[in-house]
Amino acid sequence: MQSVISALIWLATAAAGPAHVPDPPEQVRPILVELFTSQGCPLCPAANLYLGELDEREDVIALGFAVDYWDIYGWRDTYAQPAFTERQRLYKSSLDVPRVYTPQFVIDGAAEAEGRQTDAILSALQRRRMAMMAGVHVTTLATGNGNHTIEVSGSPPSASEIWLAVFEPGWHTVGIEAGENAGLDMQLYNPVRALIPLGHWAGGQAEYGAALPEGTSGVIIVQGAQGGPVYGVGEFEQDGDD
C-alpha cells in the first residue's frame, strides 16, 4: 500500500504568490483531531471509538495515526509507521509532554489529552475554536480522473509546513492475534496510510496536485514547523467529492 501511495501522490507546482493575497470570504474551518494509537495498546480500542464519535461533529476532522513502539510486545500494528511515531515525538517537544504514550489525542497541534480524558478533549476543542486565528485558506478542486488541485493561500503566523495525510475513511476492523489485545476484533477509525511532506510555506499562494489511491481520502495540513499549531486544513476524497 505504501509503494502504491508513493506512486500516485504527486507535486504539481509550488509557486510563491504575491506578498499579499486577497482573502476569500471568511469561513470557519474544522479543527484537526489526531489520535496516536496502537493495535497493541489495551486502552486504545475505546479511544478509537471516541475518535469516530468526535468526527460526527461538523467542526472536526479526525485522523488515526498508528505508532510502532508497541510492536515489541507481540503484535505488529498493521497501520503503524515510524513517520507517525516521529510526528508524535515532535508534539512531545512542542506541547511539553513528558513522554510519548497511547492513546493520545492532539487537538489542532495546540493541546493534547489522554484518551480517557473526554472532558479535557472537549474543553481543548472549545478553547481552540475561540483562539483560532484566521488568515490561512485551503481549497481543493477535483479536476477529473481522480486528480485534485490543492491551493494554499494567506498569511500564516509563522513559517509553516504543508503535509498530505492519506487515510482510509470510516471504520475498519483488524483481528488482533497476539499481544495485549489478542483475540480482539479492533475497530479503527480513519486510519492514516501515508503522511507526505509537500514543502515549506511562508505565505502567499502555493498550488499542488494529488491523485489518491482508490478507497482513500486526503487531508491537507498546514501547521507551524516541528509540530507547531495547525493553521489550516482541507479534506478531499479520491472520487472527487470534496
C-alpha atoms as a PDB file:
ATOM      1  CA  MET A   1       0.000   0.000   0.000  1.00  0.00           C
ATOM      2  CA  GLN A   2       2.809   2.395   0.863  1.00  0.00           C
ATOM      3  CA  SER A   3       4.502   1.945  -2.534  1.00  0.00           C
ATOM      4  CA  VAL A   4       1.196   2.489  -4.333  1.00  0.00           C
ATOM      5  CA  ILE A   5       0.608   5.702  -2.416  1.00  0.00           C
ATOM      6  CA  SER A   6       4.101   6.944  -3.205  1.00  0.00           C
ATOM      7  CA  ALA A   7       3.460   6.382  -6.899  1.00  0.00           C
ATOM      8  CA  LEU A   8       0.127   8.161  -7.013  1.00  0.00           C
ATOM      9  CA  ILE A   9       0.759  11.246  -4.912  1.00  0.00           C
ATOM     10  CA  TRP A  10       2.478  13.936  -6.920  1.00  0.00           C
ATOM     11  CA  LEU A  11       3.549  17.530  -6.505  1.00  0.00           C
ATOM     12  CA  ALA A  12       2.205  19.678  -9.316  1.00  0.00           C
ATOM     13  CA  THR A  13       3.547  23.173  -8.646  1.00  0.00           C
ATOM     14  CA  ALA A  14       4.593  25.102  -5.605  1.00  0.00           C
ATOM     15  CA  ALA A  15       4.958  28.696  -6.663  1.00  0.00           C
ATOM     16  CA  ALA A  16       5.189  31.542  -4.198  1.00  0.00           C
ATOM     17  CA  GLY A  17       2.455  34.014  -4.929  1.00  0.00           C
ATOM     18  CA  PRO A  18       2.315  37.724  -4.336  1.00  0.00           C
ATOM     19  CA  ALA A  19       3.177  39.019  -0.896  1.00  0.00           C
ATOM     20  CA  HIS A  20      -0.461  39.949  -0.235  1.00  0.00           C
ATOM     21  CA  VAL A  21      -3.147  37.606  -1.484  1.00  0.00           C
ATOM     22  CA  PRO A  22      -6.766  38.770  -1.186  1.00  0.00           C
ATOM     23  CA  ASP A  23      -8.551  36.686   1.416  1.00  0.00           C
ATOM     24  CA  PRO A  24     -11.617  34.733   0.271  1.00  0.00           C
ATOM     25  CA  PRO A  25     -14.839  35.118   2.249  1.00  0.00           C
ATOM     26  CA  GLU A  26     -14.156  34.086   5.840  1.00  0.00           C
ATOM     27  CA  GLN A  27     -15.200  30.559   6.725  1.00  0.00           C
ATOM     28  CA  VAL A  28     -14.896  28.644   9.975  1.00  0.00           C
ATOM     29  CA  ARG A  29     -12.523  25.795   9.293  1.00  0.00           C
ATOM     30  CA  PRO A  30     -12.643  22.407  11.021  1.00  0.00           C
ATOM     31  CA  ILE A  31     -10.313  21.543  13.893  1.00  0.00           C
ATOM     32  CA  LEU A  32      -7.869  18.703  13.267  1.00  0.00           C
ATOM     33  CA  VAL A  33      -8.049  15.960  15.907  1.00  0.00           C
ATOM     34  CA  GLU A  34      -5.264  13.369  15.772  1.00  0.00           C
ATOM     35  CA  LEU A  35      -5.326  10.149  17.769  1.00  0.00           C
ATOM     36  CA  PHE A  36      -1.998   8.405  18.334  1.00  0.00           C
ATOM     37  CA  THR A  37      -2.946   4.802  18.801  1.00  0.00           C
ATOM     38  CA  SER A  38      -1.746   1.215  18.514  1.00  0.00           C
ATOM     39  CA  GLN A  39      -3.381  -2.146  17.946  1.00  0.00           C
ATOM     40  CA  GLY A  40      -1.229  -3.433  20.822  1.00  0.00           C
ATOM     41  CA  CYS A  41      -2.405  -0.851  23.352  1.00  0.00           C
ATOM     42  CA  PRO A  42      -5.154  -2.105  25.721  1.00  0.00           C
ATOM     43  CA  LEU A  43      -6.631   1.386  26.224  1.00  0.00           C
ATOM     44  CA  CYS A  44      -6.726   2.225  22.517  1.00  0.00           C
ATOM     45  CA  PRO A  45      -9.897   0.393  21.390  1.00  0.00           C
ATOM     46  CA  ALA A  46     -12.082   2.752  23.424  1.00  0.00           C
ATOM     47  CA  ALA A  47     -10.121   5.783  22.203  1.00  0.00           C
ATOM     48  CA  ASN A  48     -10.668   4.764  18.572  1.00  0.00           C
ATOM     49  CA  LEU A  49     -14.394   4.559  19.208  1.00  0.00           C
ATOM     50  CA  TYR A  50     -14.289   8.046  20.693  1.00  0.00           C
ATOM     51  CA  LEU A  51     -12.368   9.336  17.659  1.00  0.00           C
ATOM     52  CA  GLY A  52     -15.248   8.200  15.471  1.00  0.00           C
ATOM     53  CA  GLU A  53     -17.702   9.903  17.804  1.00  0.00           C
ATOM     54  CA  LEU A  54     -15.771  13.170  17.596  1.00  0.00           C
ATOM     55  CA  ASP A  55     -15.794  13.019  13.811  1.00  0.00           C
ATOM     56  CA  GLU A  56     -19.585  13.238  13.877  1.00  0.00           C
ATOM     57  CA  ARG A  57     -19.125  16.894  14.788  1.00  0.00           C
ATOM     58  CA  GLU A  58     -19.176  19.276  11.833  1.00  0.00           C
ATOM     59  CA  ASP A  59     -16.225  21.228  13.249  1.00  0.00           C
ATOM     60  CA  VAL A  60     -13.799  18.260  13.439  1.00  0.00           C
ATOM     61  CA  ILE A  61     -11.575  16.376  11.019  1.00  0.00           C
ATOM     62  CA  ALA A  62     -10.408  13.172  12.738  1.00  0.00           C
ATOM     63  CA  LEU A  63      -7.361  11.071  11.865  1.00  0.00           C
ATOM     64  CA  GLY A  64      -5.862   7.971  13.485  1.00  0.00           C
ATOM     65  CA  PHE A  65      -2.049   7.680  13.493  1.00  0.00           C
ATOM     66  CA  ALA A  66      -0.737   4.237  14.469  1.00  0.00           C
ATOM     67  CA  VAL A  67       2.639   4.316  16.243  1.00  0.00           C
ATOM     68  CA  ASP A  68       5.144   1.473  16.125  1.00  0.00           C
ATOM     69  CA  TYR A  69       6.643   1.312  19.634  1.00  0.00           C
ATOM     70  CA  TRP A  70       4.022  -1.189  20.827  1.00  0.00           C
ATOM     71  CA  ASP A  71       5.169  -3.667  18.156  1.00  0.00           C
ATOM     72  CA  ILE A  72       7.792  -5.149  20.513  1.00  0.00           C
ATOM     73  CA  TYR A  73       5.040  -6.585  22.748  1.00  0.00           C
ATOM     74  CA  GLY A  74       3.958  -9.391  20.462  1.00  0.00           C
ATOM     75  CA  TRP A  75       1.785  -7.844  17.722  1.00  0.00           C
ATOM     76  CA  ARG A  76       2.932  -5.791  14.736  1.00  0.00           C
ATOM     77  CA  ASP A  77       0.415  -2.999  14.090  1.00  0.00           C
ATOM     78  CA  THR A  78      -0.835  -3.255  10.511  1.00  0.00           C
ATOM     79  CA  TYR A  79      -1.012   0.545  10.074  1.00  0.00           C
ATOM     80  CA  ALA A  80       1.973   1.710  12.138  1.00  0.00           C
ATOM     81  CA  GLN A  81       4.837   3.655  10.558  1.00  0.00           C
ATOM     82  CA  PRO A  82       7.964   5.246  12.041  1.00  0.00           C
ATOM     83  CA  ALA A  83       6.923   8.555  10.462  1.00  0.00           C
ATOM     84  CA  PHE A  84       3.787   8.599  12.622  1.00  0.00           C
ATOM     85  CA  THR A  85       5.832   7.940  15.760  1.00  0.00           C
ATOM     86  CA  GLU A  86       8.155  10.781  14.765  1.00  0.00           C
ATOM     87  CA  ARG A  87       5.164  13.088  14.363  1.00  0.00           C
ATOM     88  CA  GLN A  88       4.085  12.241  17.907  1.00  0.00           C
ATOM     89  CA  ARG A  89       7.611  12.879  19.185  1.00  0.00           C
ATOM     90  CA  LEU A  90       7.529  16.356  17.652  1.00  0.00           C
ATOM     91  CA  TYR A  91       4.315  17.015  19.577  1.00  0.00           C
ATOM     92  CA  LYS A  92       6.018  15.752  22.733  1.00  0.00           C
ATOM     93  CA  SER A  93       8.521  18.591  22.381  1.00  0.00           C
ATOM     94  CA  SER A  94       6.210  21.322  21.109  1.00  0.00           C
ATOM     95  CA  LEU A  95       3.492  20.627  23.706  1.00  0.00           C
ATOM     96  CA  ASP A  96       5.989  19.923  26.523  1.00  0.00           C
ATOM     97  CA  VAL A  97       4.688  16.416  27.239  1.00  0.00           C
ATOM     98  CA  PRO A  98       6.924  14.253  29.484  1.00  0.00           C
ATOM     99  CA  ARG A  99       6.736  11.181  27.240  1.00  0.00           C
ATOM    100  CA  VAL A 100       5.076   9.674  24.207  1.00  0.00           C
ATOM    101  CA  TYR A 101       2.144   7.434  25.057  1.00  0.00           C
ATOM    102  CA  THR A 102      -1.062   5.938  23.730  1.00  0.00           C
ATOM    103  CA  PRO A 103      -3.848   6.704  23.403  1.00  0.00           C
ATOM    104  CA  GLN A 104      -3.097  10.398  22.974  1.00  0.00           C
ATOM    105  CA  PHE A 105      -5.355  12.971  21.360  1.00  0.00           C
ATOM    106  CA  VAL A 106      -3.741  16.074  19.857  1.00  0.00           C
ATOM    107  CA  ILE A 107      -6.113  18.939  19.113  1.00  0.00           C
ATOM    108  CA  ASP A 108      -5.068  21.140  16.198  1.00  0.00           C
ATOM    109  CA  GLY A 109      -1.425  20.821  17.221  1.00  0.00           C
ATOM    110  CA  ALA A 110      -2.151  23.169  20.126  1.00  0.00           C
ATOM    111  CA  ALA A 111      -3.219  20.888  23.009  1.00  0.00           C
ATOM    112  CA  GLU A 112      -3.189  17.230  23.992  1.00  0.00           C
ATOM    113  CA  ALA A 113      -5.103  14.893  26.295  1.00  0.00           C
ATOM    114  CA  GLU A 114      -5.191  11.243  27.282  1.00  0.00           C
ATOM    115  CA  GLY A 115      -7.721   9.048  25.557  1.00  0.00           C
ATOM    116  CA  ARG A 116      -9.890   8.686  28.657  1.00  0.00           C
ATOM    117  CA  GLN A 117      -9.988  12.433  29.378  1.00  0.00           C
ATOM    118  CA  THR A 118     -13.043  13.222  27.288  1.00  0.00           C
ATOM    119  CA  ASP A 119     -13.843  16.383  29.260  1.00  0.00           C
ATOM    120  CA  ALA A 120     -10.324  17.671  28.646  1.00  0.00           C
ATOM    121  CA  ILE A 121     -10.634  16.898  24.936  1.00  0.00           C
ATOM    122  CA  LEU A 122     -13.933  18.763  24.644  1.00  0.00           C
ATOM    123  CA  SER A 123     -12.527  21.701  26.599  1.00  0.00           C
ATOM    124  CA  ALA A 124      -9.497  21.809  24.290  1.00  0.00           C
ATOM    125  CA  LEU A 125     -11.794  21.888  21.259  1.00  0.00           C
ATOM    126  CA  GLN A 126     -13.698  24.804  22.729  1.00  0.00           C
ATOM    127  CA  ARG A 127     -10.529  26.712  23.598  1.00  0.00           C
ATOM    128  CA  ARG A 128      -9.105  26.135  20.141  1.00  0.00           C
ATOM    129  CA  ARG A 129     -12.261  27.350  18.464  1.00  0.00           C
ATOM    130  CA  MET A 130     -12.139  30.570  20.486  1.00  0.00           C
ATOM    131  CA  ALA A 131      -8.402  31.131  19.916  1.00  0.00           C
ATOM    132  CA  MET A 132      -8.226  30.099  16.271  1.00  0.00           C
ATOM    133  CA  MET A 133      -6.636  32.726  14.034  1.00  0.00           C
ATOM    134  CA  ALA A 134      -7.869  33.435  10.522  1.00  0.00           C
ATOM    135  CA  GLY A 135      -5.550  34.101   7.613  1.00  0.00           C
ATOM    136  CA  VAL A 136      -4.789  30.683   6.075  1.00  0.00           C
ATOM    137  CA  HIS A 137      -7.092  29.148   3.481  1.00  0.00           C
ATOM    138  CA  VAL A 138      -7.023  25.672   1.951  1.00  0.00           C
ATOM    139  CA  THR A 139      -9.143  24.859  -1.087  1.00  0.00           C
ATOM    140  CA  THR A 140      -9.335  21.660  -3.124  1.00  0.00           C
ATOM    141  CA  LEU A 141     -10.753  21.169  -6.607  1.00  0.00           C
ATOM    142  CA  ALA A 142     -11.445  17.882  -8.374  1.00  0.00           C
ATOM    143  CA  THR A 143     -10.001  18.050 -11.913  1.00  0.00           C
ATOM    144  CA  GLY A 144     -11.141  14.665 -13.241  1.00  0.00           C
ATOM    145  CA  ASN A 145      -9.849  11.087 -13.286  1.00  0.00           C
ATOM    146  CA  GLY A 146      -9.289  11.168  -9.537  1.00  0.00           C
ATOM    147  CA  ASN A 147      -6.949  14.163  -9.718  1.00  0.00           C
ATOM    148  CA  HIS A 148      -7.190  17.200  -7.448  1.00  0.00           C
ATOM    149  CA  THR A 149      -5.673  20.654  -7.336  1.00  0.00           C
ATOM    150  CA  ILE A 150      -4.882  21.967  -3.865  1.00  0.00           C
ATOM    151  CA  GLU A 151      -4.374  25.671  -3.207  1.00  0.00           C
ATOM    152  CA  VAL A 152      -2.973  27.148  -0.010  1.00  0.00           C
ATOM    153  CA  SER A 153      -3.101  30.924   0.417  1.00  0.00           C
ATOM    154  CA  GLY A 154      -2.903  33.618   3.051  1.00  0.00           C
ATOM    155  CA  SER A 155      -0.520  34.706   5.787  1.00  0.00           C
ATOM    156  CA  PRO A 156       0.425  32.157   8.486  1.00  0.00           C
ATOM    157  CA  PRO A 157       1.567  33.398  11.926  1.00  0.00           C
ATOM    158  CA  SER A 158       4.931  31.693  11.365  1.00  0.00           C
ATOM    159  CA  ALA A 159       6.845  29.715   8.766  1.00  0.00           C
ATOM    160  CA  SER A 160       4.807  26.599   8.081  1.00  0.00           C
ATOM    161  CA  GLU A 161       4.957  23.088   6.707  1.00  0.00           C
ATOM    162  CA  ILE A 162       2.346  21.589   4.383  1.00  0.00           C
ATOM    163  CA  TRP A 163       1.507  17.899   4.726  1.00  0.00           C
ATOM    164  CA  LEU A 164      -0.773  15.490   2.921  1.00  0.00           C
ATOM    165  CA  ALA A 165      -2.257  12.747   5.103  1.00  0.00           C
ATOM    166  CA  VAL A 166      -3.700   9.855   3.094  1.00  0.00           C
ATOM    167  CA  PHE A 167      -6.205   7.792   5.069  1.00  0.00           C
ATOM    168  CA  GLU A 168      -8.794   5.047   4.726  1.00  0.00           C
ATOM    169  CA  PRO A 169     -12.109   6.704   5.598  1.00  0.00           C
ATOM    170  CA  GLY A 170     -14.587   5.225   8.032  1.00  0.00           C
ATOM    171  CA  TRP A 171     -14.419   2.128  10.215  1.00  0.00           C
ATOM    172  CA  HIS A 172     -12.011  -0.757   9.675  1.00  0.00           C
ATOM    173  CA  THR A 173     -11.782  -3.990  11.664  1.00  0.00           C
ATOM    174  CA  VAL A 174      -8.493  -5.718  12.422  1.00  0.00           C
ATOM    175  CA  GLY A 175      -8.372  -9.112  14.125  1.00  0.00           C
ATOM    176  CA  ILE A 176      -5.615  -8.986  16.749  1.00  0.00           C
ATOM    177  CA  GLU A 177      -3.888 -12.358  17.135  1.00  0.00           C
ATOM    178  CA  ALA A 178      -1.205 -11.627  19.738  1.00  0.00           C
ATOM    179  CA  GLY A 179      -0.056  -9.082  22.289  1.00  0.00           C
ATOM    180  CA  GLU A 180      -2.140  -7.177  24.857  1.00  0.00           C
ATOM    181  CA  ASN A 181      -5.286  -7.220  22.672  1.00  0.00           C
ATOM    182  CA  ALA A 182      -5.050 -10.827  21.470  1.00  0.00           C
ATOM    183  CA  GLY A 183      -8.438 -12.185  20.370  1.00  0.00           C
ATOM    184  CA  LEU A 184      -9.975  -8.734  19.862  1.00  0.00           C
ATOM    185  CA  ASP A 185     -11.567  -7.529  16.629  1.00  0.00           C
ATOM    186  CA  MET A 186     -10.372  -3.944  16.957  1.00  0.00           C
ATOM    187  CA  GLN A 187     -12.328  -1.117  15.368  1.00  0.00           C
ATOM    188  CA  LEU A 188     -10.160   1.613  13.822  1.00  0.00           C
ATOM    189  CA  TYR A 189     -11.444   4.939  12.525  1.00  0.00           C
ATOM    190  CA  ASN A 190      -9.908   6.929   9.638  1.00  0.00           C
ATOM    191  CA  PRO A 191      -6.503   5.201   9.904  1.00  0.00           C
ATOM    192  CA  VAL A 192      -3.735   7.113   8.141  1.00  0.00           C
ATOM    193  CA  ARG A 193      -1.772   5.217   5.487  1.00  0.00           C
ATOM    194  CA  ALA A 194       0.783   7.847   4.490  1.00  0.00           C
ATOM    195  CA  LEU A 195       1.996  11.252   5.636  1.00  0.00           C
ATOM    196  CA  ILE A 196       3.669  13.132   2.799  1.00  0.00           C
ATOM    197  CA  PRO A 197       5.523  16.454   3.148  1.00  0.00           C
ATOM    198  CA  LEU A 198       4.611  18.859   0.347  1.00  0.00           C
ATOM    199  CA  GLY A 199       7.002  21.611   1.358  1.00  0.00           C
ATOM    200  CA  HIS A 200       7.618  24.694   3.454  1.00  0.00           C
ATOM    201  CA  TRP A 201       5.412  27.763   3.147  1.00  0.00           C
ATOM    202  CA  ALA A 202       5.809  31.292   4.449  1.00  0.00           C
ATOM    203  CA  GLY A 203       2.683  32.844   2.951  1.00  0.00           C
ATOM    204  CA  GLY A 204       1.338  33.979  -0.371  1.00  0.00           C
ATOM    205  CA  GLN A 205      -0.081  31.299  -2.636  1.00  0.00           C
ATOM    206  CA  ALA A 206       1.036  27.738  -3.400  1.00  0.00           C
ATOM    207  CA  GLU A 207      -0.567  25.101  -5.602  1.00  0.00           C
ATOM    208  CA  TYR A 208      -0.155  21.334  -5.538  1.00  0.00           C
ATOM    209  CA  GLY A 209      -1.696  18.293  -7.188  1.00  0.00           C
ATOM    210  CA  ALA A 210      -2.692  14.902  -5.831  1.00  0.00           C
ATOM    211  CA  ALA A 211      -4.157  11.674  -7.191  1.00  0.00           C
ATOM    212  CA  LEU A 212      -5.226   9.419  -4.347  1.00  0.00           C
ATOM    213  CA  PRO A 213      -5.283   5.609  -4.473  1.00  0.00           C
ATOM    214  CA  GLU A 214      -8.709   4.019  -4.734  1.00  0.00           C
ATOM    215  CA  GLY A 215     -10.513   3.774  -1.413  1.00  0.00           C
ATOM    216  CA  THR A 216      -8.588   6.578   0.268  1.00  0.00           C
ATOM    217  CA  SER A 217      -9.182  10.216   1.143  1.00  0.00           C
ATOM    218  CA  GLY A 218      -6.786  13.055   1.852  1.00  0.00           C
ATOM    219  CA  VAL A 219      -6.308  15.855   4.359  1.00  0.00           C
ATOM    220  CA  ILE A 220      -4.063  18.838   3.675  1.00  0.00           C
ATOM    221  CA  ILE A 221      -2.482  20.091   6.918  1.00  0.00           C
ATOM    222  CA  VAL A 222      -0.834  23.496   7.205  1.00  0.00           C
ATOM    223  CA  GLN A 223       0.968  23.885  10.509  1.00  0.00           C
ATOM    224  CA  GLY A 224       3.887  25.516  12.250  1.00  0.00           C
ATOM    225  CA  ALA A 225       7.241  23.845  11.787  1.00  0.00           C
ATOM    226  CA  GLN A 226       8.361  20.972  14.023  1.00  0.00           C
ATOM    227  CA  GLY A 227       4.911  20.005  15.262  1.00  0.00           C
ATOM    228  CA  GLY A 228       3.563  23.512  15.717  1.00  0.00           C
ATOM    229  CA  PRO A 229      -0.085  24.609  15.801  1.00  0.00           C
ATOM    230  CA  VAL A 230      -2.334  23.850  12.841  1.00  0.00           C
ATOM    231  CA  TYR A 231      -3.197  26.936  10.795  1.00  0.00           C
ATOM    232  CA  GLY A 232      -5.344  25.382   8.074  1.00  0.00           C
ATOM    233  CA  VAL A 233      -6.823  22.066   6.930  1.00  0.00           C
ATOM    234  CA  GLY A 234      -8.716  20.796   3.913  1.00  0.00           C
ATOM    235  CA  GLU A 235     -10.231  17.371   3.248  1.00  0.00           C
ATOM    236  CA  PHE A 236     -10.942  15.715  -0.114  1.00  0.00           C
ATOM    237  CA  GLU A 237     -11.924  12.290  -1.417  1.00  0.00           C
ATOM    238  CA  GLN A 238     -10.490  10.038  -4.101  1.00  0.00           C
ATOM    239  CA  ASP A 239     -13.700  10.055  -6.150  1.00  0.00           C
ATOM    240  CA  GLY A 240     -13.751  13.830  -6.409  1.00  0.00           C
ATOM    241  CA  ASP A 241     -16.456  14.619  -3.829  1.00  0.00           C
ATOM    242  CA  ASP A 242     -14.701  17.435  -1.928  1.00  0.00           C
END
